[in-house]
């Protein structure tokens, strides 16, 4: 399994979650995956820091108008998409 797979599984778990307890468990699981992929032999970078910060923010939210579920799912899906891209593929500029 890879970090990309973990992000995909996380987004699926969040989509299928039946309540806040299930979402909290999914986020805690993603945070554990992030810790796992931070150790050798893996060589991930800033995406781990972003995911860890997003998970911690979800689990210990600060007052915000933004939707926590949308924010963490968008972050995980963006990391998955970035990691699934070929290193030679050009990133589209909007």
Protein backbone atom coordinates (compact mmCIF):
# COMPACT_ATOMS: atom_id res chain seq x y z
CA UNK A 1 0.00 0.00 0.00
CA UNK A 2 1.11 3.60 -0.54
CA UNK A 3 0.20 7.01 0.82
CA UNK A 4 -1.94 7.50 -2.27
CA UNK A 5 -3.86 4.30 -1.44
CA UNK A 6 -4.27 5.44 2.17
CA UNK A 7 -5.71 8.76 0.96
CA UNK A 8 -8.11 6.94 -1.37
CA UNK A 9 -9.25 4.63 1.41
CA UNK A 10 -9.69 7.61 3.72
CA UNK A 11 -11.87 9.51 1.25
CA UNK A 12 -13.99 6.37 0.78
CA UNK A 13 -14.37 5.94 4.54
CA UNK A 14 -15.38 9.58 4.94
CA UNK A 15 -17.91 9.25 2.13
CA UNK A 16 -19.44 6.15 3.72
CA UNK A 17 -19.30 7.39 7.33
CA UNK A 18 -22.64 7.21 9.11
CA UNK A 19 -21.86 9.86 11.69
CA UNK A 20 -19.25 11.97 13.42
CA UNK A 21 -17.81 9.05 15.40
CA UNK A 22 -17.05 7.19 12.15
CA UNK A 23 -15.51 10.33 10.63
CA UNK A 24 -13.33 10.86 13.73
CA UNK A 25 -12.14 7.24 13.48
CA UNK A 26 -11.33 7.67 9.77
CA UNK A 27 -9.32 10.84 10.47
CA UNK A 28 -7.44 9.17 13.35
CA UNK A 29 -6.65 6.25 11.04
CA UNK A 30 -5.32 8.61 8.35
CA UNK A 31 -3.15 10.32 10.97
CA UNK A 32 -1.73 6.88 11.92
CA UNK A 33 -1.06 6.18 8.24
CA UNK A 34 0.74 9.53 7.95
CA UNK A 35 2.96 8.56 10.91
CA UNK A 36 3.68 5.20 9.26
CA UNK A 37 4.67 6.81 5.94
CA UNK A 38 6.90 9.34 7.70
CA UNK A 39 9.35 6.54 8.59
CA UNK A 40 11.99 4.95 6.36
CA UNK A 41 12.03 3.47 3.79
CA UNK A 42 9.32 5.89 2.62
CA UNK A 43 10.33 9.23 1.13
CA UNK A 44 7.34 11.51 1.25
CA UNK A 45 7.69 15.21 1.96
CA UNK A 46 5.43 18.17 2.56
CA UNK A 47 2.31 16.18 1.75
CA UNK A 48 2.78 14.35 5.07
CA UNK A 49 3.00 17.63 6.96
CA UNK A 50 -0.15 18.92 5.25
CA UNK A 51 -2.11 15.76 5.95
CA UNK A 52 -0.96 15.61 9.58
CA UNK A 53 -1.92 19.25 10.12
CA UNK A 54 -5.30 18.69 8.47
CA UNK A 55 -5.99 15.63 10.62
CA UNK A 56 -5.02 17.41 13.83
CA UNK A 57 -7.15 20.40 12.90
CA UNK A 58 -10.12 18.09 12.28
CA UNK A 59 -9.65 16.24 15.56
CA UNK A 60 -9.12 19.44 17.57
CA UNK A 61 -11.00 22.07 15.57
CA UNK A 62 -10.58 25.77 16.01
CA UNK A 63 -13.55 28.01 15.35
CA UNK A 64 -13.96 28.32 11.60
CA UNK A 65 -16.68 28.93 9.05
CA UNK A 66 -15.20 26.26 6.78
CA UNK A 67 -16.67 22.75 6.72
CA UNK A 68 -14.20 20.37 8.43
CA UNK A 69 -15.30 17.34 6.41
CA UNK A 70 -14.95 19.11 3.08
CA UNK A 71 -11.56 20.53 4.04
CA UNK A 72 -9.95 17.21 5.10
CA UNK A 73 -11.48 15.21 2.23
CA UNK A 74 -10.29 17.82 -0.30
CA UNK A 75 -6.80 17.74 1.20
CA UNK A 76 -6.53 13.93 1.13
CA UNK A 77 -7.95 13.71 -2.38
CA UNK A 78 -5.55 16.40 -3.60
CA UNK A 79 -2.55 14.54 -2.15
CA UNK A 80 -3.76 11.29 -3.74
CA UNK A 81 -4.14 12.99 -7.11
CA UNK A 82 -0.68 14.55 -6.85
CA UNK A 83 0.96 11.23 -5.93
CA UNK A 84 -0.86 9.34 -8.68
CA UNK A 85 0.45 11.71 -11.35
CA UNK A 86 3.37 10.65 -13.50
CA UNK A 87 6.54 12.62 -12.68
CA UNK A 88 6.65 13.69 -16.34
CA UNK A 89 3.03 14.86 -16.50
CA UNK A 90 2.60 18.61 -16.62
CA UNK A 91 0.39 20.08 -13.92
CA UNK A 92 -2.46 22.09 -15.48
CA UNK A 93 -2.38 25.78 -14.61
CA UNK A 94 -5.72 27.44 -14.01
